[in-house]
Amino acid sequence: CGVTGRTVAQAEKRFRGKQYGEFKRAVAEAVVTHLAPFRARKIALMKKPATLKKMLAAGSAQAAKVANAKIAEVKKKVGLMP
């Protein structure tokens, strides 16, 4: 399964005969553990607004470049562009 590295069969075996609430708690714990490094990075970045703005601007520019190339490709394929 995505964040635990276990297979569906392993999860089924672990929770066979258990209450659904126990499964939900385990899933929530696995997700929280998986997201902990991302949350820590976000907290660190929020303390540095100038750095965050630079990162967001760079990401936005890269996304626009990729999106514009894809839009041009689609327009060409549908005959809106030579």
PDB file of N, CA and C in Angstrom:
ATOM      1  N   CYS A   1       0.850  -1.165   0.000  1.00  0.00           N
ATOM      2  CA  CYS A   1       0.000   0.000   0.000  1.00  0.00           C
ATOM      3  C   CYS A   1       0.899   1.232   0.000  1.00  0.00           C
ATOM      4  N   GLY A   2       0.477   2.269  -0.637  1.00  0.00           N
ATOM      5  CA  GLY A   2       1.246   3.467  -0.919  1.00  0.00           C
ATOM      6  C   GLY A   2       2.263   3.946   0.100  1.00  0.00           C
ATOM      7  N   VAL A   3       1.854   4.286   1.289  1.00  0.00           N
ATOM      8  CA  VAL A   3       2.775   4.920   2.223  1.00  0.00           C
ATOM      9  C   VAL A   3       3.460   3.962   3.187  1.00  0.00           C
ATOM     10  N   THR A   4       3.015   2.728   3.249  1.00  0.00           N
ATOM     11  CA  THR A   4       3.614   1.790   4.202  1.00  0.00           C
ATOM     12  C   THR A   4       4.605   0.829   3.563  1.00  0.00           C
ATOM     13  N   GLY A   5       4.490   0.658   2.252  1.00  0.00           N
ATOM     14  CA  GLY A   5       5.351  -0.304   1.580  1.00  0.00           C
ATOM     15  C   GLY A   5       4.840  -1.734   1.677  1.00  0.00           C
ATOM     16  N   ARG A   6       3.714  -1.911   2.338  1.00  0.00           N
ATOM     17  CA  ARG A   6       3.127  -3.250   2.447  1.00  0.00           C
ATOM     18  C   ARG A   6       2.216  -3.522   1.256  1.00  0.00           C
ATOM     19  N   THR A   7       2.017  -4.776   0.964  1.00  0.00           N
ATOM     20  CA  THR A   7       1.095  -5.147  -0.106  1.00  0.00           C
ATOM     21  C   THR A   7      -0.325  -5.161   0.455  1.00  0.00           C
ATOM     22  N   VAL A   8      -1.285  -5.186  -0.448  1.00  0.00           N
ATOM     23  CA  VAL A   8      -2.685  -5.278  -0.033  1.00  0.00           C
ATOM     24  C   VAL A   8      -2.896  -6.576   0.737  1.00  0.00           C
ATOM     25  N   ALA A   9      -2.292  -7.660   0.264  1.00  0.00           N
ATOM     26  CA  ALA A   9      -2.437  -8.952   0.946  1.00  0.00           C
ATOM     27  C   ALA A   9      -1.902  -8.879   2.379  1.00  0.00           C
ATOM     28  N   GLN A  10      -0.779  -8.194   2.578  1.00  0.00           N
ATOM     29  CA  GLN A  10      -0.219  -8.053   3.929  1.00  0.00           C
ATOM     30  C   GLN A  10      -1.162  -7.241   4.810  1.00  0.00           C
ATOM     31  N   ALA A  11      -1.725  -6.171   4.252  1.00  0.00           N
ATOM     32  CA  ALA A  11      -2.670  -5.354   5.025  1.00  0.00           C
ATOM     33  C   ALA A  11      -3.916  -6.164   5.374  1.00  0.00           C
ATOM     34  N   GLU A  12      -4.408  -6.929   4.419  1.00  0.00           N
ATOM     35  CA  GLU A  12      -5.583  -7.764   4.680  1.00  0.00           C
ATOM     36  C   GLU A  12      -5.305  -8.753   5.800  1.00  0.00           C
ATOM     37  N   LYS A  13      -4.124  -9.364   5.759  1.00  0.00           N
ATOM     38  CA  LYS A  13      -3.760 -10.335   6.783  1.00  0.00           C
ATOM     39  C   LYS A  13      -3.663  -9.665   8.153  1.00  0.00           C
ATOM     40  N   ARG A  14      -3.037  -8.480   8.199  1.00  0.00           N
ATOM     41  CA  ARG A  14      -2.846  -7.771   9.468  1.00  0.00           C
ATOM     42  C   ARG A  14      -4.175  -7.379  10.105  1.00  0.00           C
ATOM     43  N   PHE A  15      -5.152  -6.970   9.287  1.00  0.00           N
ATOM     44  CA  PHE A  15      -6.397  -6.448   9.845  1.00  0.00           C
ATOM     45  C   PHE A  15      -7.566  -7.429   9.771  1.00  0.00           C
ATOM     46  N   ARG A  16      -7.304  -8.650   9.352  1.00  0.00           N
ATOM     47  CA  ARG A  16      -8.356  -9.672   9.308  1.00  0.00           C
ATOM     48  C   ARG A  16      -8.902  -9.889  10.723  1.00  0.00           C
ATOM     49  N   GLY A  17     -10.199  -9.800  10.840  1.00  0.00           N
ATOM     50  CA  GLY A  17     -10.840 -10.035  12.133  1.00  0.00           C
ATOM     51  C   GLY A  17     -10.809  -8.837  13.069  1.00  0.00           C
ATOM     52  N   LYS A  18     -10.259  -7.744  12.618  1.00  0.00           N
ATOM     53  CA  LYS A  18     -10.169  -6.537  13.456  1.00  0.00           C
ATOM     54  C   LYS A  18     -11.337  -5.606  13.130  1.00  0.00           C
ATOM     55  N   GLN A  19     -11.561  -4.675  14.016  1.00  0.00           N
ATOM     56  CA  GLN A  19     -12.593  -3.667  13.805  1.00  0.00           C
ATOM     57  C   GLN A  19     -12.108  -2.643  12.780  1.00  0.00           C
ATOM     58  N   TYR A  20     -13.058  -2.045  12.051  1.00  0.00           N
ATOM     59  CA  TYR A  20     -12.723  -1.060  11.032  1.00  0.00           C
ATOM     60  C   TYR A  20     -12.009   0.151  11.645  1.00  0.00           C
ATOM     61  N   GLY A  21     -12.373   0.524  12.858  1.00  0.00           N
ATOM     62  CA  GLY A  21     -11.752   1.661  13.538  1.00  0.00           C
ATOM     63  C   GLY A  21     -10.254   1.475  13.714  1.00  0.00           C
ATOM     64  N   GLU A  22      -9.827   0.261  13.992  1.00  0.00           N
ATOM     65  CA  GLU A  22      -8.402  -0.020  14.146  1.00  0.00           C
ATOM     66  C   GLU A  22      -7.670   0.188  12.821  1.00  0.00           C
ATOM     67  N   PHE A  23      -8.305  -0.246  11.741  1.00  0.00           N
ATOM     68  CA  PHE A  23      -7.731  -0.049  10.410  1.00  0.00           C
ATOM     69  C   PHE A  23      -7.621   1.440  10.099  1.00  0.00           C
ATOM     70  N   LYS A  24      -8.675   2.205  10.380  1.00  0.00           N
ATOM     71  CA  LYS A  24      -8.656   3.652  10.106  1.00  0.00           C
ATOM     72  C   LYS A  24      -7.560   4.349  10.906  1.00  0.00           C
ATOM     73  N   ARG A  25      -7.384   3.966  12.164  1.00  0.00           N
ATOM     74  CA  ARG A  25      -6.326   4.575  12.989  1.00  0.00           C
ATOM     75  C   ARG A  25      -4.952   4.273  12.411  1.00  0.00           C
ATOM     76  N   ALA A  26      -4.752   3.045  11.956  1.00  0.00           N
ATOM     77  CA  ALA A  26      -3.467   2.659  11.378  1.00  0.00           C
ATOM     78  C   ALA A  26      -3.195   3.422  10.084  1.00  0.00           C
ATOM     79  N   VAL A  27      -4.235   3.604   9.272  1.00  0.00           N
ATOM     80  CA  VAL A  27      -4.080   4.362   8.032  1.00  0.00           C
ATOM     81  C   VAL A  27      -3.739   5.812   8.353  1.00  0.00           C
ATOM     82  N   ALA A  28      -4.460   6.394   9.285  1.00  0.00           N
ATOM     83  CA  ALA A  28      -4.196   7.787   9.666  1.00  0.00           C
ATOM     84  C   ALA A  28      -2.770   7.944  10.189  1.00  0.00           C
ATOM     85  N   GLU A  29      -2.331   7.027  11.025  1.00  0.00           N
ATOM     86  CA  GLU A  29      -0.973   7.084  11.567  1.00  0.00           C
ATOM     87  C   GLU A  29       0.072   6.962  10.454  1.00  0.00           C
ATOM     88  N   ALA A  30      -0.164   6.068   9.499  1.00  0.00           N
ATOM     89  CA  ALA A  30       0.771   5.888   8.394  1.00  0.00           C
ATOM     90  C   ALA A  30       0.858   7.147   7.536  1.00  0.00           C
ATOM     91  N   VAL A  31      -0.278   7.780   7.290  1.00  0.00           N
ATOM     92  CA  VAL A  31      -0.293   8.998   6.481  1.00  0.00           C
ATOM     93  C   VAL A  31       0.406  10.131   7.217  1.00  0.00           C
ATOM     94  N   VAL A  32       0.123  10.292   8.496  1.00  0.00           N
ATOM     95  CA  VAL A  32       0.768  11.349   9.290  1.00  0.00           C
ATOM     96  C   VAL A  32       2.286  11.143   9.308  1.00  0.00           C
ATOM     97  N   THR A  33       2.714   9.921   9.489  1.00  0.00           N
ATOM     98  CA  THR A  33       4.155   9.617   9.501  1.00  0.00           C
ATOM     99  C   THR A  33       4.773   9.916   8.142  1.00  0.00           C
ATOM    100  N   HIS A  34       4.080   9.538   7.083  1.00  0.00           N
ATOM    101  CA  HIS A  34       4.587   9.767   5.728  1.00  0.00           C
ATOM    102  C   HIS A  34       4.711  11.258   5.419  1.00  0.00           C
ATOM    103  N   LEU A  35       3.749  12.043   5.900  1.00  0.00           N
ATOM    104  CA  LEU A  35       3.734  13.471   5.591  1.00  0.00           C
ATOM    105  C   LEU A  35       4.582  14.322   6.542  1.00  0.00           C
ATOM    106  N   ALA A  36       5.101  13.757   7.605  1.00  0.00           N
ATOM    107  CA  ALA A  36       5.868  14.514   8.592  1.00  0.00           C
ATOM    108  C   ALA A  36       7.035  15.300   7.985  1.00  0.00           C
ATOM    109  N   PRO A  37       7.852  14.715   7.108  1.00  0.00           N
ATOM    110  CA  PRO A  37       8.947  15.500   6.527  1.00  0.00           C
ATOM    111  C   PRO A  37       8.449  16.681   5.683  1.00  0.00           C
ATOM    112  N   PHE A  38       7.344  16.503   4.999  1.00  0.00           N
ATOM    113  CA  PHE A  38       6.783  17.584   4.189  1.00  0.00           C
ATOM    114  C   PHE A  38       6.280  18.711   5.084  1.00  0.00           C
ATOM    115  N   ARG A  39       5.646  18.344   6.182  1.00  0.00           N
ATOM    116  CA  ARG A  39       5.150  19.347   7.128  1.00  0.00           C
ATOM    117  C   ARG A  39       6.312  20.114   7.744  1.00  0.00           C
ATOM    118  N   ALA A  40       7.382  19.410   8.095  1.00  0.00           N
ATOM    119  CA  ALA A  40       8.550  20.067   8.680  1.00  0.00           C
ATOM    120  C   ALA A  40       9.173  21.035   7.679  1.00  0.00           C
ATOM    121  N   ARG A  41       9.249  20.638   6.423  1.00  0.00           N
ATOM    122  CA  ARG A  41       9.803  21.506   5.376  1.00  0.00           C
ATOM    123  C   ARG A  41       8.929  22.738   5.188  1.00  0.00           C
ATOM    124  N   LYS A  42       7.615  22.548   5.227  1.00  0.00           N
ATOM    125  CA  LYS A  42       6.694  23.675   5.083  1.00  0.00           C
ATOM    126  C   LYS A  42       6.877  24.665   6.218  1.00  0.00           C
ATOM    127  N   ILE A  43       6.980  24.168   7.431  1.00  0.00           N
ATOM    128  CA  ILE A  43       7.162  25.046   8.589  1.00  0.00           C
ATOM    129  C   ILE A  43       8.456  25.845   8.443  1.00  0.00           C
ATOM    130  N   ALA A  44       9.530  25.174   8.007  1.00  0.00           N
ATOM    131  CA  ALA A  44      10.813  25.860   7.818  1.00  0.00           C
ATOM    132  C   ALA A  44      10.700  26.930   6.738  1.00  0.00           C
ATOM    133  N   LEU A  45      10.024  26.612   5.645  1.00  0.00           N
ATOM    134  CA  LEU A  45       9.877  27.579   4.556  1.00  0.00           C
ATOM    135  C   LEU A  45       9.002  28.766   4.950  1.00  0.00           C
ATOM    136  N   MET A  46       7.991  28.520   5.748  1.00  0.00           N
ATOM    137  CA  MET A  46       7.108  29.606   6.177  1.00  0.00           C
ATOM    138  C   MET A  46       7.859  30.638   7.013  1.00  0.00           C
ATOM    139  N   LYS A  47       8.964  30.224   7.618  1.00  0.00           N
ATOM    140  CA  LYS A  47       9.777  31.142   8.411  1.00  0.00           C
ATOM    141  C   LYS A  47      10.698  31.986   7.534  1.00  0.00           C
ATOM    142  N   LYS A  48      10.782  31.646   6.239  1.00  0.00           N
ATOM    143  CA  LYS A  48      11.643  32.367   5.296  1.00  0.00           C
ATOM    144  C   LYS A  48      10.810  32.796   4.086  1.00  0.00           C
ATOM    145  N   PRO A  49       9.975  33.824   4.230  1.00  0.00           N
ATOM    146  CA  PRO A  49       9.073  34.202   3.150  1.00  0.00           C
ATOM    147  C   PRO A  49       9.786  34.596   1.851  1.00  0.00           C
ATOM    148  N   ALA A  50      10.927  35.233   1.929  1.00  0.00           N
ATOM    149  CA  ALA A  50      11.641  35.631   0.709  1.00  0.00           C
ATOM    150  C   ALA A  50      12.099  34.404  -0.071  1.00  0.00           C
ATOM    151  N   THR A  51      12.629  33.425   0.631  1.00  0.00           N
ATOM    152  CA  THR A  51      13.058  32.180  -0.018  1.00  0.00           C
ATOM    153  C   THR A  51      11.866  31.461  -0.625  1.00  0.00           C
ATOM    154  N   LEU A  52      10.776  31.437   0.109  1.00  0.00           N
ATOM    155  CA  LEU A  52       9.559  30.780  -0.364  1.00  0.00           C
ATOM    156  C   LEU A  52       9.045  31.454  -1.635  1.00  0.00           C
ATOM    157  N   LYS A  53       9.045  32.785  -1.659  1.00  0.00           N
ATOM    158  CA  LYS A  53       8.576  33.500  -2.846  1.00  0.00           C
ATOM    159  C   LYS A  53       9.457  33.194  -4.050  1.00  0.00           C
ATOM    160  N   LYS A  54      10.760  33.108  -3.847  1.00  0.00           N
ATOM    161  CA  LYS A  54      11.676  32.775  -4.944  1.00  0.00           C
ATOM    162  C   LYS A  54      11.389  31.366  -5.463  1.00  0.00           C
ATOM    163  N   MET A  55      11.191  30.433  -4.562  1.00  0.00           N
ATOM    164  CA  MET A  55      10.910  29.053  -4.958  1.00  0.00           C
ATOM    165  C   MET A  55       9.592  28.963  -5.725  1.00  0.00           C
ATOM    166  N   LEU A  56       8.579  29.682  -5.243  1.00  0.00           N
ATOM    167  CA  LEU A  56       7.282  29.659  -5.910  1.00  0.00           C
ATOM    168  C   LEU A  56       7.366  30.296  -7.294  1.00  0.00           C
ATOM    169  N   ALA A  57       8.111  31.380  -7.414  1.00  0.00           N
ATOM    170  CA  ALA A  57       8.271  32.038  -8.714  1.00  0.00           C
ATOM    171  C   ALA A  57       8.995  31.116  -9.693  1.00  0.00           C
ATOM    172  N   ALA A  58      10.037  30.448  -9.229  1.00  0.00           N
ATOM    173  CA  ALA A  58      10.782  29.525 -10.093  1.00  0.00           C
ATOM    174  C   ALA A  58       9.894  28.359 -10.517  1.00  0.00           C
ATOM    175  N   GLY A  59       9.126  27.830  -9.589  1.00  0.00           N
ATOM    176  CA  GLY A  59       8.216  26.731  -9.905  1.00  0.00           C
ATOM    177  C   GLY A  59       7.134  27.158 -10.879  1.00  0.00           C
ATOM    178  N   SER A  60       6.618  28.362 -10.684  1.00  0.00           N
ATOM    179  CA  SER A  60       5.593  28.894 -11.574  1.00  0.00           C
ATOM    180  C   SER A  60       6.132  29.070 -12.988  1.00  0.00           C
ATOM    181  N   ALA A  61       7.351  29.587 -13.106  1.00  0.00           N
ATOM    182  CA  ALA A  61       7.969  29.775 -14.424  1.00  0.00           C
ATOM    183  C   ALA A  61       8.174  28.434 -15.122  1.00  0.00           C
ATOM    184  N   GLN A  62       8.636  27.441 -14.382  1.00  0.00           N
ATOM    185  CA  GLN A  62       8.843  26.112 -14.968  1.00  0.00           C
ATOM    186  C   GLN A  62       7.514  25.493 -15.387  1.00  0.00           C
ATOM    187  N   ALA A  63       6.494  25.629 -14.554  1.00  0.00           N
ATOM    188  CA  ALA A  63       5.177  25.080 -14.885  1.00  0.00           C
ATOM    189  C   ALA A  63       4.605  25.767 -16.124  1.00  0.00           C
ATOM    190  N   ALA A  64       4.767  27.077 -16.221  1.00  0.00           N
ATOM    191  CA  ALA A  64       4.268  27.813 -17.384  1.00  0.00           C
ATOM    192  C   ALA A  64       4.972  27.353 -18.653  1.00  0.00           C
ATOM    193  N   LYS A  65       6.272  27.117 -18.563  1.00  0.00           N
ATOM    194  CA  LYS A  65       7.041  26.657 -19.718  1.00  0.00           C
ATOM    195  C   LYS A  65       6.501  25.304 -20.215  1.00  0.00           C
ATOM    196  N   VAL A  66       6.305  24.389 -19.302  1.00  0.00           N
ATOM    197  CA  VAL A  66       5.795  23.058 -19.659  1.00  0.00           C
ATOM    198  C   VAL A  66       4.368  23.161 -20.196  1.00  0.00           C
ATOM    199  N   ALA A  67       3.523  23.950 -19.527  1.00  0.00           N
ATOM    200  CA  ALA A  67       2.130  24.097 -19.941  1.00  0.00           C
ATOM    201  C   ALA A  67       2.030  24.752 -21.319  1.00  0.00           C
ATOM    202  N   ASN A  68       2.815  25.780 -21.558  1.00  0.00           N
ATOM    203  CA  ASN A  68       2.766  26.463 -22.848  1.00  0.00           C
ATOM    204  C   ASN A  68       3.199  25.544 -23.986  1.00  0.00           C
ATOM    205  N   ALA A  69       4.187  24.727 -23.735  1.00  0.00           N
ATOM    206  CA  ALA A  69       4.628  23.770 -24.753  1.00  0.00           C
ATOM    207  C   ALA A  69       3.514  22.766 -25.052  1.00  0.00           C
ATOM    208  N   LYS A  70       2.841  22.291 -24.018  1.00  0.00           N
ATOM    209  CA  LYS A  70       1.751  21.323 -24.195  1.00  0.00           C
ATOM    210  C   LYS A  70       0.575  21.964 -24.920  1.00  0.00           C
ATOM    211  N   ILE A  71       0.240  23.198 -24.566  1.00  0.00           N
ATOM    212  CA  ILE A  71      -0.860  23.907 -25.227  1.00  0.00           C
ATOM    213  C   ILE A  71      -0.550  24.100 -26.712  1.00  0.00           C
ATOM    214  N   ALA A  72       0.692  24.484 -27.025  1.00  0.00           N
ATOM    215  CA  ALA A  72       1.087  24.652 -28.422  1.00  0.00           C
ATOM    216  C   ALA A  72       0.969  23.330 -29.182  1.00  0.00           C
ATOM    217  N   GLU A  73       1.373  22.251 -28.549  1.00  0.00           N
ATOM    218  CA  GLU A  73       1.281  20.920 -29.170  1.00  0.00           C
ATOM    219  C   GLU A  73      -0.176  20.556 -29.468  1.00  0.00           C
ATOM    220  N   VAL A  74      -1.058  20.814 -28.515  1.00  0.00           N
ATOM    221  CA  VAL A  74      -2.480  20.495 -28.689  1.00  0.00           C
ATOM    222  C   VAL A  74      -3.077  21.363 -29.795  1.00  0.00           C
ATOM    223  N   LYS A  75      -2.776  22.659 -29.764  1.00  0.00           N
ATOM    224  CA  LYS A  75      -3.300  23.556 -30.792  1.00  0.00           C
ATOM    225  C   LYS A  75      -2.866  23.117 -32.176  1.00  0.00           C
ATOM    226  N   LYS A  76      -1.628  22.689 -32.293  1.00  0.00           N
ATOM    227  CA  LYS A  76      -1.113  22.234 -33.585  1.00  0.00           C
ATOM    228  C   LYS A  76      -1.864  20.978 -34.039  1.00  0.00           C
ATOM    229  N   LYS A  77      -2.084  20.054 -33.115  1.00  0.00           N
ATOM    230  CA  LYS A  77      -2.762  18.796 -33.452  1.00  0.00           C
ATOM    231  C   LYS A  77      -4.216  18.991 -33.838  1.00  0.00           C
ATOM    232  N   VAL A  78      -4.872  19.993 -33.244  1.00  0.00           N
ATOM    233  CA  VAL A  78      -6.282  20.213 -33.566  1.00  0.00           C
ATOM    234  C   VAL A  78      -6.456  21.229 -34.696  1.00  0.00           C
ATOM    235  N   GLY A  79      -5.331  21.705 -35.238  1.00  0.00           N
ATOM    236  CA  GLY A  79      -5.387  22.582 -36.395  1.00  0.00           C
ATOM    237  C   GLY A  79      -5.582  24.053 -36.096  1.00  0.00           C
ATOM    238  N   LEU A  80      -5.350  24.472 -34.883  1.00  0.00           N
ATOM    239  CA  LEU A  80      -5.492  25.884 -34.525  1.00  0.00           C
ATOM    240  C   LEU A  80      -4.189  26.663 -34.742  1.00  0.00           C
ATOM    241  N   MET A  81      -3.116  25.934 -35.032  1.00  0.00           N
ATOM    242  CA  MET A  81      -1.817  26.541 -35.218  1.00  0.00           C
ATOM    243  C   MET A  81      -1.126  25.832 -36.386  1.00  0.00           C
ATOM    244  N   PRO A  82      -0.380  26.593 -37.207  1.00  0.00           N
ATOM    245  CA  PRO A  82       0.324  25.923 -38.307  1.00  0.00           C
ATOM    246  C   PRO A  82       1.461  25.052 -37.811  1.00  0.00           C
TER     247      PRO A  82
END
